[in-house]
């Protein structure tokens, strides 16, 4: 799973968000993943994903109920709007698999997102606002430090 960094200052509500404001040039969940003979451990990837965006959602954690494995992990997220989702993380990316914590609806046909930022951007205006605010704060700190 690759992480693009094409975040822009929010000119409009539909901004594209593909990286965290604190890590504009570096992918922390790629850096922390375990490479096991060319296969990433999705359980470790999921923990890193949660750590990357927890600041911008109400709640987010790796499922302890569903079976996580080397090739798949499940993440529960509650958006700032109060909507709950169960996300599936695989090499293909992230997708919504349920509309409640620890729920996998086999009948759902949702598309994969390359990054957690893109997925949350599509689900939550509150995430977009929190991400944009964090990005602006980071840029302001850099400006104040003369960088």
N, C-alpha and C. Protein backbone atom coordinates (compact mmCIF):
# COMPACT_ATOMS: atom_id res chain seq x y z
N UNK A 1 0.85 -1.16 0.00
CA UNK A 1 0.00 0.00 0.00
C UNK A 1 0.90 1.23 0.00
N UNK A 2 0.70 2.10 -0.93
CA UNK A 2 1.48 3.30 -1.09
C UNK A 2 0.73 4.49 -0.54
N UNK A 3 1.44 5.47 -0.08
CA UNK A 3 0.77 6.67 0.40
C UNK A 3 1.22 7.85 -0.44
N UNK A 4 0.29 8.51 -1.11
CA UNK A 4 0.58 9.72 -1.85
C UNK A 4 0.39 10.88 -0.89
N UNK A 5 1.11 11.91 -1.16
CA UNK A 5 0.94 13.10 -0.34
C UNK A 5 0.56 14.25 -1.24
N UNK A 6 -0.74 14.43 -1.42
CA UNK A 6 -1.20 15.52 -2.28
C UNK A 6 -2.19 16.40 -1.56
N UNK A 7 -1.98 16.55 -0.25
CA UNK A 7 -2.89 17.42 0.51
C UNK A 7 -2.67 18.85 0.09
N UNK A 8 -3.75 19.57 -0.06
CA UNK A 8 -3.67 20.97 -0.39
C UNK A 8 -4.45 21.74 0.66
N UNK A 9 -4.14 23.01 0.80
CA UNK A 9 -4.92 23.83 1.70
C UNK A 9 -6.36 23.83 1.23
N UNK A 10 -7.29 23.75 2.14
CA UNK A 10 -8.69 23.59 1.74
C UNK A 10 -9.26 24.87 1.12
N UNK A 11 -9.28 24.91 -0.21
CA UNK A 11 -9.90 26.02 -0.89
C UNK A 11 -11.41 25.85 -0.89
N UNK A 12 -11.82 24.59 -0.95
CA UNK A 12 -13.24 24.28 -0.93
C UNK A 12 -13.46 23.05 -0.08
N UNK A 13 -14.70 22.73 0.18
CA UNK A 13 -15.04 21.63 1.07
C UNK A 13 -14.56 20.28 0.56
N UNK A 14 -14.47 20.09 -0.73
CA UNK A 14 -14.11 18.78 -1.29
C UNK A 14 -12.64 18.57 -1.49
N UNK A 15 -11.81 19.07 -0.59
CA UNK A 15 -10.36 18.94 -0.79
C UNK A 15 -9.93 17.48 -0.76
N UNK A 16 -8.86 17.17 -1.48
CA UNK A 16 -8.26 15.84 -1.51
C UNK A 16 -7.28 15.74 -0.36
N UNK A 17 -7.36 14.69 0.44
CA UNK A 17 -6.51 14.53 1.60
C UNK A 17 -5.85 13.17 1.53
N UNK A 18 -4.55 13.14 1.24
CA UNK A 18 -3.86 11.88 1.12
C UNK A 18 -2.63 11.79 2.00
N UNK A 19 -2.52 12.63 3.01
CA UNK A 19 -1.43 12.49 3.97
C UNK A 19 -1.79 13.24 5.24
N UNK A 20 -1.13 12.88 6.31
CA UNK A 20 -1.42 13.54 7.58
C UNK A 20 -0.65 14.85 7.63
N UNK A 21 -1.15 15.84 8.35
CA UNK A 21 -0.47 17.13 8.39
C UNK A 21 0.89 17.07 9.06
N UNK A 22 1.07 16.15 10.00
CA UNK A 22 2.35 16.05 10.69
C UNK A 22 3.40 15.30 9.86
N UNK A 23 2.95 14.56 8.88
CA UNK A 23 3.87 13.73 8.10
C UNK A 23 3.66 13.97 6.61
N UNK A 24 3.79 15.21 6.16
CA UNK A 24 3.50 15.54 4.78
C UNK A 24 4.41 14.84 3.78
N UNK A 25 5.59 14.45 4.20
CA UNK A 25 6.50 13.84 3.24
C UNK A 25 6.87 12.40 3.59
N UNK A 26 6.26 11.83 4.61
CA UNK A 26 6.68 10.51 5.07
C UNK A 26 5.49 9.67 5.47
N UNK A 27 5.51 8.43 5.14
CA UNK A 27 4.42 7.52 5.49
C UNK A 27 4.78 6.75 6.74
N UNK A 28 4.14 7.08 7.85
CA UNK A 28 4.49 6.39 9.09
C UNK A 28 3.96 4.97 9.11
N UNK A 29 2.79 4.72 8.49
CA UNK A 29 2.34 3.34 8.57
C UNK A 29 3.12 2.45 7.63
N UNK A 30 3.72 2.98 6.58
CA UNK A 30 4.63 2.16 5.78
C UNK A 30 5.93 1.94 6.54
N UNK A 31 6.40 2.97 7.24
CA UNK A 31 7.65 2.85 7.97
C UNK A 31 7.56 1.82 9.09
N UNK A 32 6.37 1.67 9.70
CA UNK A 32 6.23 0.79 10.85
C UNK A 32 5.71 -0.60 10.50
N UNK A 33 5.49 -0.85 9.22
CA UNK A 33 4.94 -2.16 8.84
C UNK A 33 6.03 -3.22 8.87
N UNK A 34 5.61 -4.43 9.13
CA UNK A 34 6.55 -5.54 9.13
C UNK A 34 6.52 -6.18 7.74
N UNK A 35 7.68 -6.33 7.15
CA UNK A 35 7.78 -6.96 5.84
C UNK A 35 8.18 -8.40 6.05
N UNK A 36 7.27 -9.30 5.77
CA UNK A 36 7.50 -10.72 6.00
C UNK A 36 7.57 -11.44 4.66
N UNK A 37 8.75 -11.42 4.05
CA UNK A 37 8.91 -12.07 2.76
C UNK A 37 8.05 -11.44 1.69
N UNK A 38 7.97 -10.12 1.68
CA UNK A 38 7.18 -9.42 0.68
C UNK A 38 5.73 -9.23 1.06
N UNK A 39 5.29 -9.77 2.21
CA UNK A 39 3.91 -9.62 2.66
C UNK A 39 3.90 -8.73 3.90
N UNK A 40 3.10 -7.68 3.86
CA UNK A 40 3.00 -6.80 5.01
C UNK A 40 2.04 -7.40 6.03
N UNK A 41 2.36 -7.23 7.30
CA UNK A 41 1.48 -7.68 8.37
C UNK A 41 0.40 -6.63 8.55
N UNK A 42 -0.80 -6.95 8.12
CA UNK A 42 -1.89 -5.99 8.13
C UNK A 42 -2.30 -5.59 9.54
N UNK A 43 -2.01 -6.43 10.53
CA UNK A 43 -2.32 -6.06 11.91
C UNK A 43 -1.48 -4.87 12.34
N UNK A 44 -0.20 -4.88 11.98
CA UNK A 44 0.68 -3.75 12.30
C UNK A 44 0.32 -2.53 11.46
N UNK A 45 -0.01 -2.76 10.21
CA UNK A 45 -0.45 -1.67 9.33
C UNK A 45 -1.68 -0.98 9.93
N UNK A 46 -2.62 -1.78 10.42
CA UNK A 46 -3.86 -1.24 10.98
C UNK A 46 -3.57 -0.36 12.19
N UNK A 47 -2.68 -0.79 13.07
CA UNK A 47 -2.32 0.02 14.24
C UNK A 47 -1.71 1.35 13.81
N UNK A 48 -0.87 1.32 12.80
CA UNK A 48 -0.25 2.55 12.30
C UNK A 48 -1.29 3.47 11.65
N UNK A 49 -2.24 2.90 10.92
CA UNK A 49 -3.32 3.69 10.32
C UNK A 49 -4.10 4.41 11.40
N UNK A 50 -4.46 3.69 12.45
CA UNK A 50 -5.21 4.29 13.56
C UNK A 50 -4.41 5.45 14.16
N UNK A 51 -3.14 5.24 14.41
CA UNK A 51 -2.31 6.28 15.02
C UNK A 51 -2.20 7.51 14.12
N UNK A 52 -2.24 7.33 12.81
CA UNK A 52 -2.11 8.45 11.88
C UNK A 52 -3.31 9.39 11.90
N UNK A 53 -4.51 8.88 12.12
CA UNK A 53 -5.71 9.72 11.95
C UNK A 53 -6.60 9.82 13.18
N UNK A 54 -6.18 9.26 14.28
CA UNK A 54 -7.01 9.28 15.49
C UNK A 54 -7.36 10.71 15.91
N UNK A 55 -6.47 11.67 15.63
CA UNK A 55 -6.70 13.06 16.00
C UNK A 55 -7.92 13.67 15.30
N UNK A 56 -8.35 13.09 14.21
CA UNK A 56 -9.38 13.71 13.37
C UNK A 56 -10.71 12.97 13.36
N UNK A 57 -10.85 11.95 14.21
CA UNK A 57 -12.10 11.20 14.32
C UNK A 57 -12.49 11.11 15.80
N UNK A 58 -13.71 10.70 16.07
CA UNK A 58 -14.16 10.57 17.46
C UNK A 58 -13.55 9.35 18.13
N UNK A 59 -13.50 8.24 17.42
CA UNK A 59 -12.94 7.00 17.97
C UNK A 59 -12.45 6.14 16.82
N UNK A 60 -11.37 5.42 17.05
CA UNK A 60 -10.84 4.52 16.02
C UNK A 60 -9.93 3.51 16.69
N UNK A 61 -10.14 2.22 16.38
CA UNK A 61 -9.32 1.17 16.98
C UNK A 61 -9.38 -0.08 16.12
N UNK A 62 -8.35 -0.89 16.24
CA UNK A 62 -8.30 -2.17 15.53
C UNK A 62 -9.25 -3.13 16.26
N UNK A 63 -10.07 -3.82 15.49
CA UNK A 63 -11.04 -4.75 16.06
C UNK A 63 -10.34 -5.86 16.83
N UNK A 64 -10.84 -6.13 18.02
CA UNK A 64 -10.36 -7.26 18.81
C UNK A 64 -11.30 -8.45 18.68
N UNK A 65 -12.44 -8.24 18.01
CA UNK A 65 -13.45 -9.27 17.86
C UNK A 65 -13.30 -10.03 16.55
N UNK A 66 -13.09 -9.31 15.46
CA UNK A 66 -12.96 -9.94 14.15
C UNK A 66 -11.56 -10.54 13.99
N UNK A 67 -11.45 -11.53 13.12
CA UNK A 67 -10.17 -12.20 12.92
C UNK A 67 -9.23 -11.38 12.05
N UNK A 68 -8.24 -10.79 12.67
CA UNK A 68 -7.19 -10.08 11.96
C UNK A 68 -6.09 -11.08 11.64
N UNK A 69 -5.44 -10.89 10.50
CA UNK A 69 -4.40 -11.83 10.08
C UNK A 69 -3.30 -11.07 9.35
N UNK A 70 -2.33 -11.82 8.83
CA UNK A 70 -1.26 -11.17 8.07
C UNK A 70 -1.81 -10.42 6.87
N UNK A 71 -2.85 -10.96 6.23
CA UNK A 71 -3.33 -10.37 4.98
C UNK A 71 -4.58 -9.51 5.11
N UNK A 72 -5.19 -9.43 6.30
CA UNK A 72 -6.39 -8.62 6.48
C UNK A 72 -6.50 -8.17 7.94
N UNK A 73 -6.94 -6.93 8.12
CA UNK A 73 -7.21 -6.41 9.45
C UNK A 73 -8.47 -5.56 9.38
N UNK A 74 -9.16 -5.49 10.50
CA UNK A 74 -10.41 -4.73 10.57
C UNK A 74 -10.25 -3.59 11.56
N UNK A 75 -10.71 -2.42 11.16
CA UNK A 75 -10.60 -1.22 11.96
C UNK A 75 -12.00 -0.64 12.17
N UNK A 76 -12.33 -0.34 13.40
CA UNK A 76 -13.59 0.33 13.72
C UNK A 76 -13.33 1.83 13.82
N UNK A 77 -14.21 2.63 13.22
CA UNK A 77 -14.05 4.08 13.28
C UNK A 77 -15.40 4.74 13.49
N UNK A 78 -15.40 5.74 14.36
CA UNK A 78 -16.57 6.59 14.53
C UNK A 78 -16.17 8.00 14.10
N UNK A 79 -16.87 8.53 13.11
CA UNK A 79 -16.56 9.85 12.60
C UNK A 79 -17.04 10.93 13.57
N UNK A 80 -16.63 12.13 13.32
CA UNK A 80 -17.06 13.26 14.16
C UNK A 80 -18.56 13.50 14.05
N UNK A 81 -19.18 12.98 13.02
CA UNK A 81 -20.63 13.10 12.85
C UNK A 81 -21.38 12.02 13.62
N UNK A 82 -20.65 11.08 14.24
CA UNK A 82 -21.27 10.01 15.01
C UNK A 82 -21.59 8.76 14.21
N UNK A 83 -21.16 8.71 12.95
CA UNK A 83 -21.38 7.52 12.13
C UNK A 83 -20.29 6.48 12.41
N UNK A 84 -20.70 5.24 12.55
CA UNK A 84 -19.76 4.15 12.83
C UNK A 84 -19.57 3.28 11.59
N UNK A 85 -18.33 2.85 11.40
CA UNK A 85 -17.98 2.01 10.26
C UNK A 85 -17.01 0.93 10.72
N UNK A 86 -17.07 -0.18 10.03
CA UNK A 86 -16.05 -1.21 10.15
C UNK A 86 -15.30 -1.20 8.82
N UNK A 87 -13.98 -1.04 8.88
CA UNK A 87 -13.15 -0.96 7.69
C UNK A 87 -12.31 -2.22 7.56
N UNK A 88 -12.11 -2.63 6.33
CA UNK A 88 -11.23 -3.76 6.03
C UNK A 88 -9.95 -3.20 5.42
N UNK A 89 -8.81 -3.63 5.92
CA UNK A 89 -7.51 -3.23 5.41
C UNK A 89 -6.82 -4.44 4.81
N UNK A 90 -6.51 -4.37 3.52
CA UNK A 90 -5.76 -5.42 2.83
C UNK A 90 -4.72 -4.75 1.94
N UNK A 91 -3.95 -5.54 1.22
CA UNK A 91 -3.00 -4.98 0.26
C UNK A 91 -3.69 -4.14 -0.79
N UNK A 92 -4.97 -4.41 -1.06
CA UNK A 92 -5.72 -3.65 -2.06
C UNK A 92 -6.07 -2.26 -1.56
N UNK A 93 -6.05 -2.04 -0.24
CA UNK A 93 -6.38 -0.76 0.34
C UNK A 93 -7.38 -0.91 1.46
N UNK A 94 -8.15 0.14 1.69
CA UNK A 94 -9.17 0.15 2.75
C UNK A 94 -10.54 0.32 2.13
N UNK A 95 -11.52 -0.35 2.74
CA UNK A 95 -12.90 -0.18 2.29
C UNK A 95 -13.84 -0.39 3.47
N UNK A 96 -15.03 0.19 3.34
CA UNK A 96 -16.07 0.00 4.34
C UNK A 96 -16.69 -1.37 4.13
N UNK A 97 -16.75 -2.17 5.20
CA UNK A 97 -17.39 -3.49 5.11
C UNK A 97 -18.60 -3.60 6.04
N UNK A 98 -18.83 -2.57 6.85
CA UNK A 98 -19.99 -2.59 7.74
C UNK A 98 -20.29 -1.21 8.28
N UNK A 99 -21.53 -1.03 8.71
CA UNK A 99 -21.96 0.26 9.23
C UNK A 99 -22.19 0.23 10.74
N UNK A 100 -21.42 -0.60 11.41
CA UNK A 100 -21.39 -0.69 12.86
C UNK A 100 -20.03 -1.29 13.24
N UNK A 101 -19.61 -1.11 14.48
CA UNK A 101 -18.36 -1.69 14.92
C UNK A 101 -18.43 -3.22 14.80
N UNK A 102 -17.33 -3.81 14.37
CA UNK A 102 -17.18 -5.27 14.29
C UNK A 102 -18.25 -5.94 13.44
N UNK A 103 -18.76 -5.25 12.45
CA UNK A 103 -19.77 -5.81 11.55
C UNK A 103 -19.20 -5.92 10.15
N UNK A 104 -19.26 -7.13 9.59
CA UNK A 104 -18.86 -7.34 8.20
C UNK A 104 -20.09 -7.80 7.44
N UNK A 105 -20.53 -6.98 6.51
CA UNK A 105 -21.68 -7.29 5.67
C UNK A 105 -21.15 -7.78 4.33
N UNK A 106 -21.20 -9.09 4.13
CA UNK A 106 -20.66 -9.70 2.90
C UNK A 106 -21.34 -9.18 1.65
N UNK A 107 -22.55 -8.64 1.78
CA UNK A 107 -23.29 -8.13 0.64
C UNK A 107 -22.88 -6.73 0.20
N UNK A 108 -22.08 -6.05 1.02
CA UNK A 108 -21.65 -4.70 0.66
C UNK A 108 -20.63 -4.75 -0.47
N UNK A 109 -20.82 -3.90 -1.45
CA UNK A 109 -19.88 -3.82 -2.57
C UNK A 109 -19.30 -2.41 -2.61
N UNK A 110 -18.41 -2.13 -1.67
CA UNK A 110 -17.80 -0.80 -1.60
C UNK A 110 -16.42 -0.85 -2.25
N UNK A 111 -16.00 0.29 -2.79
CA UNK A 111 -14.70 0.30 -3.48
C UNK A 111 -13.56 0.56 -2.49
N UNK A 112 -12.38 0.15 -2.90
CA UNK A 112 -11.18 0.32 -2.08
C UNK A 112 -10.62 1.72 -2.24
N UNK A 113 -10.09 2.24 -1.15
CA UNK A 113 -9.37 3.50 -1.16
C UNK A 113 -7.90 3.19 -0.93
N UNK A 114 -7.04 3.88 -1.63
CA UNK A 114 -5.61 3.65 -1.50
C UNK A 114 -5.08 4.07 -0.13
N UNK A 115 -5.70 5.10 0.44
CA UNK A 115 -5.24 5.61 1.74
C UNK A 115 -6.41 5.79 2.70
N UNK A 116 -6.11 5.79 3.98
CA UNK A 116 -7.13 6.07 4.99
C UNK A 116 -7.61 7.51 4.88
N UNK A 117 -6.73 8.38 4.42
CA UNK A 117 -7.09 9.79 4.27
C UNK A 117 -8.15 9.98 3.20
N UNK A 118 -7.99 9.30 2.11
CA UNK A 118 -8.98 9.36 1.03
C UNK A 118 -10.31 8.78 1.48
N UNK A 119 -10.27 7.65 2.17
CA UNK A 119 -11.50 7.01 2.65
C UNK A 119 -12.24 7.93 3.62
N UNK A 120 -11.55 8.46 4.62
CA UNK A 120 -12.20 9.33 5.60
C UNK A 120 -12.66 10.64 4.97
N UNK A 121 -11.91 11.13 4.02
CA UNK A 121 -12.31 12.35 3.31
C UNK A 121 -13.66 12.14 2.62
N UNK A 122 -13.89 10.93 2.11
CA UNK A 122 -15.15 10.65 1.41
C UNK A 122 -16.31 10.42 2.39
N UNK A 123 -16.02 10.07 3.64
CA UNK A 123 -17.06 9.74 4.61
C UNK A 123 -17.43 10.87 5.57
N UNK A 124 -16.50 11.79 5.84
CA UNK A 124 -16.68 12.67 6.99
C UNK A 124 -16.25 14.11 6.74
N UNK A 125 -17.21 15.02 6.62
CA UNK A 125 -16.85 16.44 6.56
C UNK A 125 -16.08 16.89 7.82
N UNK A 126 -16.42 16.32 8.96
CA UNK A 126 -15.72 16.65 10.20
C UNK A 126 -14.26 16.25 10.15
N UNK A 127 -13.96 15.12 9.50
CA UNK A 127 -12.57 14.71 9.32
C UNK A 127 -11.84 15.73 8.44
N UNK A 128 -12.47 16.11 7.33
CA UNK A 128 -11.85 17.09 6.43
C UNK A 128 -11.54 18.38 7.17
N UNK A 129 -12.49 18.83 7.99
CA UNK A 129 -12.28 20.08 8.74
C UNK A 129 -11.14 19.92 9.75
N UNK A 130 -11.14 18.83 10.50
CA UNK A 130 -10.08 18.60 11.50
C UNK A 130 -8.72 18.48 10.82
N UNK A 131 -8.67 17.77 9.71
CA UNK A 131 -7.42 17.61 8.98
C UNK A 131 -6.94 18.97 8.46
N UNK A 132 -7.85 19.73 7.87
CA UNK A 132 -7.49 21.04 7.34
C UNK A 132 -7.00 21.97 8.44
N UNK A 133 -7.68 21.96 9.59
CA UNK A 133 -7.25 22.80 10.71
C UNK A 133 -5.87 22.39 11.23
N UNK A 134 -5.62 21.08 11.32
CA UNK A 134 -4.32 20.60 11.78
C UNK A 134 -3.23 20.98 10.78
N UNK A 135 -3.55 20.91 9.51
CA UNK A 135 -2.59 21.29 8.47
C UNK A 135 -2.27 22.78 8.57
N UNK A 136 -3.29 23.60 8.72
CA UNK A 136 -3.06 25.05 8.85
C UNK A 136 -2.24 25.38 10.09
N UNK A 137 -2.51 24.69 11.21
CA UNK A 137 -1.72 24.91 12.43
C UNK A 137 -0.26 24.53 12.23
N UNK A 138 -0.05 23.43 11.54
CA UNK A 138 1.32 22.98 11.25
C UNK A 138 2.05 23.99 10.37
N UNK A 139 1.37 24.48 9.35
CA UNK A 139 1.98 25.47 8.46
C UNK A 139 2.28 26.77 9.21
N UNK A 140 1.38 27.15 10.10
CA UNK A 140 1.59 28.36 10.91
C UNK A 140 2.81 28.19 11.81
N UNK A 141 2.96 27.00 12.42
CA UNK A 141 4.15 26.75 13.26
C UNK A 141 5.43 26.83 12.44
N UNK A 142 5.40 26.28 11.25
CA UNK A 142 6.58 26.34 10.38
C UNK A 142 6.90 27.78 10.01
N UNK A 143 5.87 28.55 9.73
CA UNK A 143 6.06 29.96 9.37
C UNK A 143 6.66 30.72 10.55
N UNK A 144 6.15 30.47 11.76
CA UNK A 144 6.66 31.15 12.95
C UNK A 144 8.11 30.77 13.25
N UNK A 145 8.48 29.55 12.90
CA UNK A 145 9.86 29.09 13.12
C UNK A 145 10.80 29.50 11.99
N UNK A 146 10.24 30.20 11.00
CA UNK A 146 11.07 30.70 9.90
C UNK A 146 11.49 29.62 8.92
N UNK A 147 10.74 28.57 8.85
CA UNK A 147 11.10 27.47 7.94
C UNK A 147 10.33 27.53 6.67
